[in-house]
N, C-alpha and C. Protein backbone atom coordinates (compact mmCIF):
# COMPACT_ATOMS: atom_id res chain seq x y z
N MET A 1 79.12 229.48 19.13
CA MET A 1 80.03 230.39 19.79
C MET A 1 81.40 229.72 19.88
N LYS A 2 82.44 230.45 19.54
CA LYS A 2 83.79 229.91 19.56
C LYS A 2 84.30 229.77 20.99
N LEU A 3 85.26 228.87 21.17
CA LEU A 3 85.84 228.64 22.49
C LEU A 3 86.52 229.89 23.03
N THR A 4 87.17 230.65 22.18
CA THR A 4 87.83 231.87 22.64
C THR A 4 86.81 232.90 23.13
N SER A 5 85.66 232.95 22.48
CA SER A 5 84.60 233.86 22.94
C SER A 5 84.04 233.40 24.28
N ILE A 6 83.88 232.11 24.45
CA ILE A 6 83.38 231.57 25.71
C ILE A 6 84.34 231.91 26.85
N ILE A 7 85.63 231.73 26.61
CA ILE A 7 86.63 232.02 27.65
C ILE A 7 86.65 233.51 27.98
N ALA A 8 86.60 234.35 26.96
CA ALA A 8 86.64 235.80 27.18
C ALA A 8 85.41 236.28 27.95
N ILE A 9 84.24 235.79 27.58
CA ILE A 9 83.01 236.22 28.27
C ILE A 9 82.99 235.69 29.69
N PHE A 10 83.45 234.44 29.90
CA PHE A 10 83.52 233.90 31.26
C PHE A 10 84.47 234.73 32.12
N LEU A 11 85.62 235.12 31.56
CA LEU A 11 86.55 235.93 32.34
C LEU A 11 85.96 237.29 32.69
N LEU A 12 85.17 237.87 31.80
CA LEU A 12 84.49 239.13 32.13
C LEU A 12 83.50 238.92 33.27
N PHE A 13 82.73 237.84 33.21
CA PHE A 13 81.82 237.53 34.32
C PHE A 13 82.59 237.28 35.60
N TRP A 14 83.76 236.62 35.51
CA TRP A 14 84.53 236.30 36.71
C TRP A 14 85.07 237.56 37.36
N VAL A 15 85.61 238.48 36.57
CA VAL A 15 86.15 239.73 37.13
C VAL A 15 85.03 240.54 37.78
N LEU A 16 83.89 240.63 37.11
CA LEU A 16 82.75 241.34 37.68
C LEU A 16 82.31 240.68 38.99
N SER A 17 82.26 239.36 39.01
CA SER A 17 81.86 238.63 40.21
C SER A 17 82.87 238.83 41.34
N ALA A 18 84.15 238.85 41.01
CA ALA A 18 85.18 239.06 42.04
C ALA A 18 85.05 240.44 42.66
N LEU A 19 84.83 241.44 41.82
CA LEU A 19 84.68 242.80 42.35
C LEU A 19 83.41 242.95 43.17
N LEU A 20 82.35 242.25 42.79
CA LEU A 20 81.10 242.33 43.54
C LEU A 20 81.17 241.59 44.87
N SER A 21 81.87 240.46 44.91
CA SER A 21 81.91 239.65 46.13
C SER A 21 83.05 240.03 47.06
N LEU A 22 83.92 240.93 46.66
CA LEU A 22 85.08 241.30 47.46
C LEU A 22 84.74 241.85 48.85
N PRO A 23 83.78 242.74 49.01
CA PRO A 23 83.56 243.31 50.34
C PRO A 23 82.74 242.44 51.29
N PHE A 24 82.14 241.36 50.82
CA PHE A 24 81.27 240.56 51.69
C PHE A 24 82.08 239.65 52.61
N GLY A 25 81.74 239.64 53.89
CA GLY A 25 82.37 238.77 54.86
C GLY A 25 83.66 239.32 55.45
N VAL A 26 84.03 240.53 55.11
CA VAL A 26 85.27 241.13 55.62
C VAL A 26 84.93 241.95 56.86
N GLN A 27 85.76 241.81 57.90
CA GLN A 27 85.54 242.54 59.14
C GLN A 27 86.74 243.44 59.43
N THR A 28 86.46 244.56 60.05
CA THR A 28 87.52 245.50 60.43
C THR A 28 88.11 245.09 61.78
N PRO A 29 89.28 245.61 62.13
CA PRO A 29 89.85 245.30 63.45
C PRO A 29 88.95 245.71 64.60
N ASP A 30 88.15 246.75 64.40
CA ASP A 30 87.22 247.17 65.45
C ASP A 30 86.15 246.10 65.68
N GLU A 31 85.71 245.44 64.62
CA GLU A 31 84.69 244.39 64.74
C GLU A 31 85.26 243.10 65.31
N THR A 32 86.53 242.80 65.02
CA THR A 32 87.13 241.56 65.51
C THR A 32 87.81 241.75 66.86
N GLY A 33 88.00 242.98 67.31
CA GLY A 33 88.63 243.25 68.60
C GLY A 33 90.15 243.26 68.55
N GLU A 34 90.73 243.28 67.38
CA GLU A 34 92.19 243.31 67.25
C GLU A 34 92.71 244.74 67.39
N ALA A 35 93.96 244.85 67.79
CA ALA A 35 94.60 246.16 67.92
C ALA A 35 95.09 246.60 66.55
N LEU A 36 95.03 247.90 66.32
CA LEU A 36 95.51 248.46 65.06
C LEU A 36 97.03 248.53 65.05
N VAL A 37 97.62 248.23 63.92
CA VAL A 37 99.06 248.38 63.72
C VAL A 37 99.31 249.87 63.46
N PRO A 38 100.39 250.43 63.96
CA PRO A 38 100.65 251.85 63.70
C PRO A 38 100.67 252.14 62.20
N GLY A 39 99.88 253.12 61.78
CA GLY A 39 99.77 253.49 60.38
C GLY A 39 98.65 252.79 59.64
N GLN A 40 97.96 251.87 60.31
CA GLN A 40 96.88 251.12 59.67
C GLN A 40 95.59 251.94 59.70
N VAL A 41 94.88 251.92 58.59
CA VAL A 41 93.60 252.61 58.51
C VAL A 41 92.56 251.80 59.27
N GLU A 42 91.63 252.49 59.94
CA GLU A 42 90.62 251.80 60.74
C GLU A 42 89.71 250.90 59.90
N SER A 43 89.55 251.22 58.62
CA SER A 43 88.66 250.44 57.76
C SER A 43 89.36 249.29 57.05
N ALA A 44 90.64 249.07 57.32
CA ALA A 44 91.39 247.99 56.67
C ALA A 44 90.87 246.64 57.17
N PRO A 45 90.71 245.67 56.29
CA PRO A 45 90.19 244.36 56.72
C PRO A 45 91.22 243.61 57.56
N SER A 46 90.72 242.89 58.55
CA SER A 46 91.62 242.11 59.39
C SER A 46 91.52 240.61 59.10
N ASN A 47 90.50 240.18 58.39
CA ASN A 47 90.33 238.75 58.12
C ASN A 47 90.17 238.48 56.63
N PHE A 48 90.93 239.15 55.79
CA PHE A 48 90.83 238.97 54.35
C PHE A 48 91.32 237.57 53.97
N ASN A 49 90.50 236.84 53.20
CA ASN A 49 90.85 235.49 52.78
C ASN A 49 90.69 235.42 51.25
N PRO A 50 91.79 235.49 50.50
CA PRO A 50 91.67 235.50 49.04
C PRO A 50 91.09 234.20 48.47
N LYS A 51 91.30 233.08 49.14
CA LYS A 51 90.73 231.82 48.66
C LYS A 51 89.21 231.87 48.67
N ARG A 52 88.66 232.48 49.71
CA ARG A 52 87.20 232.60 49.81
C ARG A 52 86.66 233.52 48.71
N VAL A 53 87.38 234.60 48.42
CA VAL A 53 86.97 235.51 47.35
C VAL A 53 87.02 234.80 46.00
N LEU A 54 88.08 234.03 45.75
CA LEU A 54 88.20 233.29 44.50
C LEU A 54 87.08 232.26 44.34
N LEU A 55 86.76 231.57 45.43
CA LEU A 55 85.70 230.56 45.38
C LEU A 55 84.34 231.21 45.13
N ARG A 56 84.04 232.27 45.85
CA ARG A 56 82.76 232.97 45.65
C ARG A 56 82.66 233.54 44.24
N ALA A 57 83.74 234.15 43.76
CA ALA A 57 83.73 234.74 42.42
C ALA A 57 83.54 233.66 41.36
N THR A 58 84.18 232.53 41.53
CA THR A 58 84.05 231.45 40.55
C THR A 58 82.64 230.89 40.54
N MET A 59 82.06 230.67 41.72
CA MET A 59 80.69 230.14 41.77
C MET A 59 79.70 231.11 41.14
N LEU A 60 79.82 232.40 41.47
CA LEU A 60 78.91 233.39 40.91
C LEU A 60 79.11 233.53 39.40
N ALA A 61 80.36 233.48 38.94
CA ALA A 61 80.64 233.59 37.51
C ALA A 61 80.09 232.38 36.74
N VAL A 62 80.17 231.20 37.32
CA VAL A 62 79.62 230.00 36.66
C VAL A 62 78.11 230.13 36.52
N ILE A 63 77.45 230.60 37.57
CA ILE A 63 75.99 230.77 37.52
C ILE A 63 75.60 231.82 36.48
N LEU A 64 76.26 232.99 36.53
CA LEU A 64 75.92 234.05 35.59
C LEU A 64 76.23 233.66 34.15
N PHE A 65 77.39 233.02 33.93
CA PHE A 65 77.72 232.60 32.58
C PHE A 65 76.78 231.50 32.11
N GLY A 66 76.36 230.62 33.00
CA GLY A 66 75.39 229.58 32.63
C GLY A 66 74.08 230.20 32.15
N LEU A 67 73.61 231.23 32.86
CA LEU A 67 72.40 231.92 32.44
C LEU A 67 72.60 232.62 31.10
N TYR A 68 73.76 233.26 30.93
CA TYR A 68 74.06 233.93 29.67
C TYR A 68 74.09 232.93 28.51
N TYR A 69 74.76 231.80 28.71
CA TYR A 69 74.89 230.82 27.64
C TYR A 69 73.55 230.16 27.33
N ALA A 70 72.75 229.91 28.37
CA ALA A 70 71.41 229.35 28.14
C ALA A 70 70.56 230.32 27.33
N ASN A 71 70.67 231.60 27.62
CA ASN A 71 69.95 232.61 26.83
C ASN A 71 70.48 232.65 25.41
N TYR A 72 71.78 232.51 25.23
CA TYR A 72 72.38 232.52 23.90
C TYR A 72 71.87 231.34 23.06
N VAL A 73 71.80 230.17 23.67
CA VAL A 73 71.37 228.97 22.95
C VAL A 73 69.88 229.00 22.68
N ASN A 74 69.07 229.37 23.67
CA ASN A 74 67.62 229.30 23.55
C ASN A 74 66.98 230.57 23.00
N GLY A 75 67.69 231.68 23.02
CA GLY A 75 67.17 232.93 22.47
C GLY A 75 66.01 233.51 23.24
N TRP A 76 66.05 233.44 24.57
CA TRP A 76 64.95 233.97 25.38
C TRP A 76 64.84 235.47 25.25
N ILE A 77 65.94 236.18 25.37
CA ILE A 77 65.95 237.64 25.24
C ILE A 77 66.93 237.99 24.12
N GLY A 78 66.42 238.64 23.09
CA GLY A 78 67.25 239.00 21.95
C GLY A 78 67.23 240.48 21.69
N VAL A 79 67.85 240.87 20.61
CA VAL A 79 67.90 242.28 20.23
C VAL A 79 66.50 242.79 19.92
N ASP A 80 65.64 241.94 19.38
CA ASP A 80 64.28 242.37 19.03
C ASP A 80 63.43 242.68 20.26
N ALA A 81 63.86 242.26 21.45
CA ALA A 81 63.12 242.53 22.68
C ALA A 81 63.43 243.91 23.25
N ILE A 82 64.43 244.58 22.70
CA ILE A 82 64.84 245.90 23.20
C ILE A 82 64.10 246.98 22.41
N ASP A 83 63.51 247.93 23.13
CA ASP A 83 62.78 249.02 22.52
C ASP A 83 63.75 250.14 22.18
N PHE A 84 63.95 250.40 20.89
CA PHE A 84 64.90 251.41 20.45
C PHE A 84 64.25 252.75 20.12
N VAL A 85 62.98 252.94 20.44
CA VAL A 85 62.31 254.20 20.14
C VAL A 85 62.80 255.27 21.09
N PRO A 86 63.33 256.37 20.58
CA PRO A 86 63.77 257.45 21.46
C PRO A 86 62.59 258.03 22.24
N TRP A 87 62.84 258.48 23.45
CA TRP A 87 61.77 258.98 24.31
C TRP A 87 61.10 260.22 23.73
N ASP A 88 61.83 261.09 23.08
CA ASP A 88 61.21 262.32 22.60
C ASP A 88 60.31 262.04 21.38
N ARG A 89 60.54 260.96 20.66
CA ARG A 89 59.68 260.65 19.52
C ARG A 89 58.55 259.67 19.87
N ALA A 90 58.61 259.10 21.07
CA ALA A 90 57.58 258.12 21.46
C ALA A 90 56.23 258.79 21.64
N ASP A 91 56.22 260.05 22.11
CA ASP A 91 54.95 260.75 22.32
C ASP A 91 54.30 261.16 21.00
N LYS A 92 55.06 261.38 19.95
CA LYS A 92 54.53 261.84 18.68
C LYS A 92 53.95 260.72 17.85
N ALA A 93 54.32 259.49 18.13
CA ALA A 93 53.86 258.37 17.32
C ALA A 93 52.48 257.90 17.64
């Protein structure tokens, strides 16, 4: 696998991980007891920490990419493991 492919796939895993980990650990002003600023939505986060999101996303992306790369090298799950028989023809066979 080329280095450019490794970087591109890792970045895809990182973006997915960032979007998945974004809502965890965030509290609303109602949960923290803070007063709302005029015009603020009640569901707006009051303790958003981008460093924590970056760290969580990076850790999750490293784990997921490690599993992907280990599968790529060892060939645990390949294209031959996928059943391509259409459902409507499976009953006739």
